[in-house]
Amino acid sequence: RLTVPAVFTVIRDAVKVALEANKGVGICGEMASNLPSIPPLIGMGFGTLSMSQNQIPLVKHLIRKLDMQTCKELAAAVVKSRTSEDAKNEVLKRYPELAAGS
């Protein structure tokens, strides 16, 4: 399940400020290992995702398949979504294989 677009908007704005200040940005917890959340997070500029050890192989496999330009476009689309369901559908349009992880 993706979080509501308003939360992604706050996250995006915070990441933008951090990156403009040449600071690295990371996220930890459930969102960092939620497969449908990962492409937009990467697109927003997160360089570090922290999660439980058992999630690492699956997340690593996903990240290796991601296209940065698509992730950036997806981050913008998720922020513009009206609902969390709309945001999830934006992700699944580009990465349908993530449907099992949503």
N, C-alpha and C. Protein backbone atom coordinates (compact mmCIF):
# COMPACT_ATOMS: atom_id res chain seq x y z
N ARG A 1 0.84 -1.17 0.00
CA ARG A 1 0.00 0.00 0.00
C ARG A 1 0.88 1.23 0.00
N LEU A 2 0.56 2.18 -0.86
CA LEU A 2 1.29 3.44 -0.88
C LEU A 2 0.65 4.41 0.08
N THR A 3 1.45 5.32 0.57
CA THR A 3 0.93 6.36 1.45
C THR A 3 0.15 7.38 0.62
N VAL A 4 -0.53 8.26 1.27
CA VAL A 4 -1.32 9.26 0.57
C VAL A 4 -0.40 10.25 -0.14
N PRO A 5 -0.84 10.79 -1.28
CA PRO A 5 0.00 11.71 -2.05
C PRO A 5 0.48 12.92 -1.25
N ALA A 6 -0.31 13.41 -0.31
CA ALA A 6 0.12 14.57 0.49
C ALA A 6 1.40 14.27 1.27
N VAL A 7 1.53 13.04 1.75
CA VAL A 7 2.75 12.65 2.47
C VAL A 7 3.93 12.61 1.51
N PHE A 8 3.71 12.08 0.31
CA PHE A 8 4.78 12.10 -0.70
C PHE A 8 5.18 13.54 -1.03
N THR A 9 4.24 14.45 -1.03
CA THR A 9 4.54 15.86 -1.32
C THR A 9 5.46 16.43 -0.25
N VAL A 10 5.15 16.17 1.01
CA VAL A 10 5.99 16.65 2.11
C VAL A 10 7.38 16.03 2.02
N ILE A 11 7.42 14.74 1.75
CA ILE A 11 8.71 14.05 1.61
C ILE A 11 9.51 14.65 0.46
N ARG A 12 8.86 14.83 -0.70
CA ARG A 12 9.54 15.41 -1.86
C ARG A 12 10.14 16.77 -1.54
N ASP A 13 9.36 17.62 -0.87
CA ASP A 13 9.83 18.96 -0.53
C ASP A 13 11.02 18.92 0.43
N ALA A 14 10.98 18.03 1.40
CA ALA A 14 12.09 17.89 2.35
C ALA A 14 13.35 17.38 1.65
N VAL A 15 13.17 16.42 0.76
CA VAL A 15 14.31 15.87 0.01
C VAL A 15 14.94 16.96 -0.86
N LYS A 16 14.11 17.75 -1.50
CA LYS A 16 14.61 18.82 -2.37
C LYS A 16 15.49 19.79 -1.58
N VAL A 17 15.05 20.18 -0.40
CA VAL A 17 15.82 21.10 0.44
C VAL A 17 17.15 20.46 0.84
N ALA A 18 17.09 19.20 1.25
CA ALA A 18 18.31 18.50 1.66
C ALA A 18 19.31 18.39 0.51
N LEU A 19 18.82 18.01 -0.66
CA LEU A 19 19.72 17.85 -1.81
C LEU A 19 20.30 19.17 -2.26
N GLU A 20 19.52 20.25 -2.17
CA GLU A 20 20.03 21.58 -2.51
C GLU A 20 21.14 22.01 -1.55
N ALA A 21 21.10 21.48 -0.33
CA ALA A 21 22.13 21.77 0.66
C ALA A 21 23.27 20.74 0.62
N ASN A 22 23.29 19.94 -0.44
CA ASN A 22 24.30 18.89 -0.62
C ASN A 22 24.34 17.88 0.52
N LYS A 23 23.16 17.55 1.02
CA LYS A 23 23.04 16.55 2.08
C LYS A 23 22.46 15.27 1.48
N GLY A 24 22.97 14.15 1.90
CA GLY A 24 22.42 12.88 1.48
C GLY A 24 21.07 12.65 2.16
N VAL A 25 20.22 11.87 1.52
CA VAL A 25 18.89 11.64 2.06
C VAL A 25 18.62 10.14 2.14
N GLY A 26 18.14 9.72 3.28
CA GLY A 26 17.80 8.32 3.47
C GLY A 26 16.45 8.19 4.15
N ILE A 27 15.88 7.02 4.06
CA ILE A 27 14.60 6.74 4.70
C ILE A 27 14.67 5.34 5.29
N CYS A 28 14.02 5.16 6.43
CA CYS A 28 14.04 3.83 7.05
C CYS A 28 12.63 3.44 7.43
N GLY A 29 12.48 2.17 7.72
CA GLY A 29 11.20 1.68 8.16
C GLY A 29 10.40 1.02 7.07
N GLU A 30 9.12 0.88 7.32
CA GLU A 30 8.24 0.15 6.43
C GLU A 30 8.19 0.74 5.02
N MET A 31 8.18 2.06 4.92
CA MET A 31 8.09 2.68 3.60
C MET A 31 9.32 2.36 2.75
N ALA A 32 10.47 2.26 3.36
CA ALA A 32 11.70 1.98 2.62
C ALA A 32 11.72 0.59 2.01
N SER A 33 10.93 -0.32 2.55
CA SER A 33 10.91 -1.69 2.01
C SER A 33 9.59 -2.03 1.33
N ASN A 34 8.70 -1.07 1.21
CA ASN A 34 7.43 -1.27 0.51
C ASN A 34 7.71 -1.16 -0.98
N LEU A 35 7.68 -2.27 -1.69
CA LEU A 35 8.12 -2.29 -3.09
C LEU A 35 7.47 -1.22 -3.97
N PRO A 36 6.16 -1.01 -3.92
CA PRO A 36 5.59 0.04 -4.77
C PRO A 36 6.03 1.45 -4.39
N SER A 37 6.48 1.65 -3.15
CA SER A 37 6.95 2.98 -2.74
C SER A 37 8.37 3.27 -3.22
N ILE A 38 9.12 2.25 -3.50
CA ILE A 38 10.55 2.43 -3.80
C ILE A 38 10.81 3.24 -5.07
N PRO A 39 10.17 2.94 -6.21
CA PRO A 39 10.48 3.75 -7.39
C PRO A 39 10.25 5.26 -7.20
N PRO A 40 9.10 5.70 -6.62
CA PRO A 40 8.98 7.14 -6.43
C PRO A 40 9.98 7.70 -5.42
N LEU A 41 10.32 6.94 -4.39
CA LEU A 41 11.32 7.41 -3.43
C LEU A 41 12.67 7.60 -4.11
N ILE A 42 13.06 6.64 -4.93
CA ILE A 42 14.32 6.76 -5.68
C ILE A 42 14.24 7.98 -6.60
N GLY A 43 13.11 8.15 -7.25
CA GLY A 43 12.92 9.28 -8.15
C GLY A 43 12.98 10.63 -7.46
N MET A 44 12.62 10.66 -6.19
CA MET A 44 12.69 11.90 -5.42
C MET A 44 14.11 12.24 -4.99
N GLY A 45 14.98 11.23 -5.02
CA GLY A 45 16.38 11.49 -4.68
C GLY A 45 16.92 10.75 -3.48
N PHE A 46 16.15 9.83 -2.94
CA PHE A 46 16.68 9.07 -1.80
C PHE A 46 17.85 8.21 -2.25
N GLY A 47 18.94 8.31 -1.52
CA GLY A 47 20.13 7.53 -1.83
C GLY A 47 20.31 6.35 -0.90
N THR A 48 19.59 6.34 0.21
CA THR A 48 19.72 5.27 1.19
C THR A 48 18.34 4.81 1.63
N LEU A 49 18.14 3.51 1.60
CA LEU A 49 16.92 2.90 2.11
C LEU A 49 17.34 1.92 3.19
N SER A 50 16.80 2.07 4.38
CA SER A 50 17.15 1.20 5.49
C SER A 50 15.94 0.34 5.84
N MET A 51 16.18 -0.96 5.97
CA MET A 51 15.07 -1.89 6.20
C MET A 51 15.57 -3.12 6.93
N SER A 52 14.64 -4.00 7.29
CA SER A 52 15.04 -5.23 7.95
C SER A 52 15.86 -6.07 6.97
N GLN A 53 16.75 -6.82 7.52
CA GLN A 53 17.71 -7.60 6.74
C GLN A 53 17.05 -8.55 5.75
N ASN A 54 15.92 -9.13 6.10
CA ASN A 54 15.29 -10.10 5.22
C ASN A 54 14.69 -9.45 3.97
N GLN A 55 14.49 -8.14 3.96
CA GLN A 55 13.94 -7.44 2.80
C GLN A 55 15.02 -7.04 1.78
N ILE A 56 16.25 -7.01 2.20
CA ILE A 56 17.33 -6.47 1.36
C ILE A 56 17.44 -7.17 0.00
N PRO A 57 17.48 -8.49 -0.09
CA PRO A 57 17.62 -9.11 -1.42
C PRO A 57 16.51 -8.73 -2.40
N LEU A 58 15.29 -8.70 -1.93
CA LEU A 58 14.16 -8.36 -2.79
C LEU A 58 14.23 -6.90 -3.26
N VAL A 59 14.55 -6.01 -2.34
CA VAL A 59 14.65 -4.58 -2.68
C VAL A 59 15.84 -4.35 -3.61
N LYS A 60 16.93 -4.99 -3.33
CA LYS A 60 18.12 -4.87 -4.18
C LYS A 60 17.81 -5.32 -5.61
N HIS A 61 17.09 -6.42 -5.74
CA HIS A 61 16.71 -6.93 -7.05
C HIS A 61 15.85 -5.91 -7.80
N LEU A 62 14.90 -5.31 -7.09
CA LEU A 62 14.04 -4.29 -7.71
C LEU A 62 14.85 -3.08 -8.16
N ILE A 63 15.68 -2.57 -7.28
CA ILE A 63 16.44 -1.35 -7.60
C ILE A 63 17.31 -1.54 -8.83
N ARG A 64 17.88 -2.71 -8.98
CA ARG A 64 18.72 -2.98 -10.15
C ARG A 64 17.95 -2.90 -11.46
N LYS A 65 16.63 -3.08 -11.40
CA LYS A 65 15.80 -3.06 -12.61
C LYS A 65 15.20 -1.68 -12.90
N LEU A 66 15.33 -0.76 -11.97
CA LEU A 66 14.69 0.54 -12.12
C LEU A 66 15.44 1.44 -13.10
N ASP A 67 14.68 2.27 -13.77
CA ASP A 67 15.21 3.30 -14.66
C ASP A 67 15.03 4.64 -13.96
N MET A 68 16.12 5.40 -13.80
CA MET A 68 16.07 6.64 -13.03
C MET A 68 15.09 7.65 -13.62
N GLN A 69 15.06 7.80 -14.92
CA GLN A 69 14.15 8.76 -15.54
C GLN A 69 12.69 8.37 -15.27
N THR A 70 12.40 7.10 -15.38
CA THR A 70 11.04 6.62 -15.08
C THR A 70 10.70 6.87 -13.62
N CYS A 71 11.66 6.66 -12.73
CA CYS A 71 11.42 6.90 -11.31
C CYS A 71 11.14 8.38 -11.03
N LYS A 72 11.85 9.26 -11.71
CA LYS A 72 11.61 10.70 -11.54
C LYS A 72 10.22 11.08 -12.05
N GLU A 73 9.84 10.54 -13.20
CA GLU A 73 8.51 10.80 -13.74
C GLU A 73 7.44 10.24 -12.80
N LEU A 74 7.72 9.09 -12.25
CA LEU A 74 6.78 8.45 -11.34
C LEU A 74 6.64 9.25 -10.04
N ALA A 75 7.73 9.78 -9.53
CA ALA A 75 7.67 10.61 -8.33
C ALA A 75 6.75 11.80 -8.56
N ALA A 76 6.87 12.44 -9.71
CA ALA A 76 6.01 13.59 -10.04
C ALA A 76 4.55 13.15 -10.16
N ALA A 77 4.32 12.01 -10.78
CA ALA A 77 2.95 11.52 -10.96
C ALA A 77 2.30 11.14 -9.63
N VAL A 78 3.06 10.54 -8.75
CA VAL A 78 2.53 10.13 -7.44
C VAL A 78 2.13 11.36 -6.63
N VAL A 79 2.95 12.39 -6.67
CA VAL A 79 2.64 13.61 -5.93
C VAL A 79 1.36 14.27 -6.46
N LYS A 80 1.14 14.16 -7.76
CA LYS A 80 -0.05 14.77 -8.37
C LYS A 80 -1.31 13.92 -8.22
N SER A 81 -1.16 12.69 -7.77
CA SER A 81 -2.30 11.80 -7.61
C SER A 81 -3.27 12.34 -6.57
N ARG A 82 -4.54 11.98 -6.73
CA ARG A 82 -5.57 12.45 -5.80
C ARG A 82 -5.71 11.54 -4.58
N THR A 83 -5.47 10.25 -4.77
CA THR A 83 -5.63 9.29 -3.67
C THR A 83 -4.45 8.32 -3.66
N SER A 84 -4.33 7.58 -2.57
CA SER A 84 -3.26 6.58 -2.51
C SER A 84 -3.49 5.48 -3.55
N GLU A 85 -4.74 5.19 -3.85
CA GLU A 85 -5.05 4.19 -4.89
C GLU A 85 -4.59 4.69 -6.26
N ASP A 86 -4.83 5.97 -6.55
CA ASP A 86 -4.35 6.57 -7.81
C ASP A 86 -2.82 6.51 -7.88
N ALA A 87 -2.17 6.81 -6.76
CA ALA A 87 -0.71 6.78 -6.72
C ALA A 87 -0.20 5.37 -6.99
N LYS A 88 -0.83 4.38 -6.36
CA LYS A 88 -0.44 2.99 -6.57
C LYS A 88 -0.63 2.60 -8.04
N ASN A 89 -1.72 3.04 -8.64
CA ASN A 89 -1.96 2.73 -10.05
C ASN A 89 -0.91 3.35 -10.95
N GLU A 90 -0.43 4.53 -10.60
CA GLU A 90 0.66 5.15 -11.38
C GLU A 90 1.91 4.28 -11.34
N VAL A 91 2.22 3.76 -10.16
CA VAL A 91 3.39 2.88 -10.02
C VAL A 91 3.18 1.61 -10.83
N LEU A 92 2.01 1.01 -10.72
CA LEU A 92 1.76 -0.27 -11.38
C LEU A 92 1.68 -0.14 -12.90
N LYS A 93 1.33 1.03 -13.40
CA LYS A 93 1.34 1.25 -14.85
C LYS A 93 2.75 1.09 -15.40
N ARG A 94 3.72 1.56 -14.65
CA ARG A 94 5.11 1.52 -15.10
C ARG A 94 5.84 0.25 -14.66
N TYR A 95 5.46 -0.27 -13.51
CA TYR A 95 6.10 -1.46 -12.95
C TYR A 95 5.01 -2.47 -12.52
N PRO A 96 4.34 -3.10 -13.48
CA PRO A 96 3.24 -4.02 -13.13
C PRO A 96 3.68 -5.20 -12.27
N GLU A 97 4.93 -5.56 -12.35
CA GLU A 97 5.42 -6.69 -11.55
C GLU A 97 5.36 -6.41 -10.04
N LEU A 98 5.16 -5.15 -9.66
CA LEU A 98 5.08 -4.80 -8.25
C LEU A 98 3.69 -5.01 -7.66
N ALA A 99 2.74 -5.43 -8.48
CA ALA A 99 1.37 -5.63 -8.00
C ALA A 99 1.33 -6.63 -6.84
N ALA A 100 2.18 -7.62 -6.87
CA ALA A 100 2.20 -8.62 -5.81
C ALA A 100 2.71 -8.04 -4.50
N GLY A 101 3.51 -6.97 -4.59
CA GLY A 101 4.07 -6.36 -3.38
C GLY A 101 3.28 -5.19 -2.87
N SER A 102 2.11 -4.93 -3.46
CA SER A 102 1.35 -3.75 -3.03
C SER A 102 0.30 -4.09 -2.00
